[in-house]
């Protein structure tokens, strides 16, 4: 059974940092294109960052220079280091795996608040 298990979400003040993790179970992780999406209340789910099978990386403009996506294929793990967090980064963050099939994690809540 395929599972993407996220962790690392929390309440943090503006300017703070968080590191999200996602473990992929039941898939050949190294062969998958991986990504982080987020969804704020009332908004559509949006792509935040992605890292492909060949480590090609994409960032959404608003997170460039603040977020870093990485993967450790030996641990079937995906990471998102988030620095300089802003109020508008508040959302549920989802891990996403795509190859022939697509899988989603259950989401982890990131709240940026004073």
Protein backbone atom coordinates (compact mmCIF):
# COMPACT_ATOMS: atom_id res chain seq x y z
CA UNK A 1 0.00 0.00 0.00
CA UNK A 2 1.33 3.41 -0.96
CA UNK A 3 1.62 6.04 1.75
CA UNK A 4 3.14 9.50 1.84
CA UNK A 5 3.59 10.52 5.45
CA UNK A 6 4.29 14.18 6.18
CA UNK A 7 5.54 15.76 9.37
CA UNK A 8 7.03 19.00 10.60
CA UNK A 9 4.14 21.41 10.45
CA UNK A 10 3.75 23.77 13.40
CA UNK A 11 2.82 27.24 14.61
CA UNK A 12 5.68 29.67 14.03
CA UNK A 13 6.17 33.41 14.18
CA UNK A 14 6.87 35.51 11.09
CA UNK A 15 10.51 35.25 10.11
CA UNK A 16 10.82 31.81 11.63
CA UNK A 17 11.84 28.52 10.05
CA UNK A 18 10.37 25.05 9.69
CA UNK A 19 11.48 21.87 8.00
CA UNK A 20 8.81 19.64 6.52
CA UNK A 21 9.48 15.97 5.87
CA UNK A 22 7.69 13.37 3.79
CA UNK A 23 8.41 9.65 3.73
CA UNK A 24 7.26 7.64 0.76
CA UNK A 25 6.22 4.08 1.52
CA UNK A 26 5.36 1.41 -1.00
CA UNK A 27 6.79 3.17 -4.06
CA UNK A 28 10.18 3.10 -5.82
CA UNK A 29 10.84 6.55 -4.41
CA UNK A 30 13.91 7.39 -6.50
CA UNK A 31 11.90 7.02 -9.72
CA UNK A 32 9.21 9.50 -8.71
CA UNK A 33 8.96 13.21 -9.33
CA UNK A 34 8.25 14.71 -5.91
CA UNK A 35 6.68 17.99 -4.93
CA UNK A 36 5.20 20.07 -2.15
CA UNK A 37 1.83 21.72 -2.63
CA UNK A 38 -0.08 23.92 -0.22
CA UNK A 39 -3.66 24.97 0.25
CA UNK A 40 -4.90 27.86 2.33
CA UNK A 41 -8.57 28.12 3.39
CA UNK A 42 -10.66 29.33 0.47
CA UNK A 43 -7.83 28.96 -2.00
CA UNK A 44 -6.94 26.38 -4.61
CA UNK A 45 -4.13 23.97 -3.98
CA UNK A 46 -0.91 25.36 -5.45
CA UNK A 47 2.49 23.98 -6.32
CA UNK A 48 5.19 25.29 -4.00
CA UNK A 49 8.28 23.41 -5.13
CA UNK A 50 9.19 20.25 -6.98
CA UNK A 51 12.23 18.05 -7.45
CA UNK A 52 12.33 15.57 -10.26
CA UNK A 53 13.80 12.12 -10.62
CA UNK A 54 16.92 13.76 -12.04
CA UNK A 55 16.95 16.48 -9.36
CA UNK A 56 15.58 19.19 -11.60
CA UNK A 57 14.07 21.75 -9.23
CA UNK A 58 11.26 24.28 -9.51
CA UNK A 59 10.09 26.95 -7.05
CA UNK A 60 6.98 29.06 -7.11
CA UNK A 61 8.01 32.70 -7.31
CA UNK A 62 6.83 33.72 -3.85
CA UNK A 63 9.07 31.16 -2.12
CA UNK A 64 12.24 31.56 -4.17
CA UNK A 65 15.18 32.37 -1.94
CA UNK A 66 13.31 31.33 1.20
CA UNK A 67 12.39 27.66 0.68
CA UNK A 68 14.66 24.78 -0.28
CA UNK A 69 13.40 21.43 -1.52
CA UNK A 70 15.57 18.34 -1.27
CA UNK A 71 15.31 14.58 -1.34
CA UNK A 72 17.16 11.62 0.12
CA UNK A 73 16.38 8.62 -2.03
CA UNK A 74 18.19 6.24 0.30
CA UNK A 75 15.65 7.15 3.00
CA UNK A 76 12.70 7.61 0.61
CA UNK A 77 12.40 11.08 2.05
CA UNK A 78 11.43 14.49 0.72
CA UNK A 79 12.14 17.72 2.58
CA UNK A 80 11.13 21.35 2.46
CA UNK A 81 13.27 23.78 4.43
CA UNK A 82 11.27 26.96 4.93
CA UNK A 83 13.05 30.08 6.14
CA UNK A 84 11.82 33.63 6.48
CA UNK A 85 8.24 32.47 6.89
CA UNK A 86 5.50 35.00 6.19
CA UNK A 87 1.87 35.22 7.26
CA UNK A 88 0.84 34.28 3.73
CA UNK A 89 2.71 30.98 3.95
CA UNK A 90 0.01 29.73 6.31
CA UNK A 91 -1.55 26.65 4.71
CA UNK A 92 -1.80 22.91 4.78
CA UNK A 93 1.23 21.51 2.99
CA UNK A 94 0.93 18.30 1.00
CA UNK A 95 3.54 15.91 -0.27
CA UNK A 96 2.96 14.76 -3.85
CA UNK A 97 4.50 11.90 -5.82
CA UNK A 98 4.06 11.46 -9.54
CA UNK A 99 5.16 9.05 -12.16
CA UNK A 100 2.62 6.89 -13.95
CA UNK A 101 0.38 7.22 -10.89
CA UNK A 102 -0.09 10.16 -8.58
CA UNK A 103 -0.16 10.04 -4.78
CA UNK A 104 -0.86 12.59 -2.08
CA UNK A 105 -0.01 12.76 1.58
CA UNK A 106 -2.54 13.64 4.26
CA UNK A 107 -1.13 17.14 4.78
CA UNK A 108 0.66 18.94 7.58
CA UNK A 109 -0.47 22.31 8.92
CA UNK A 110 1.85 25.30 8.85
CA UNK A 111 0.59 28.37 10.66
CA UNK A 112 2.56 31.60 10.63
CA UNK A 113 1.19 33.99 13.20
CA UNK A 114 2.18 36.59 15.75
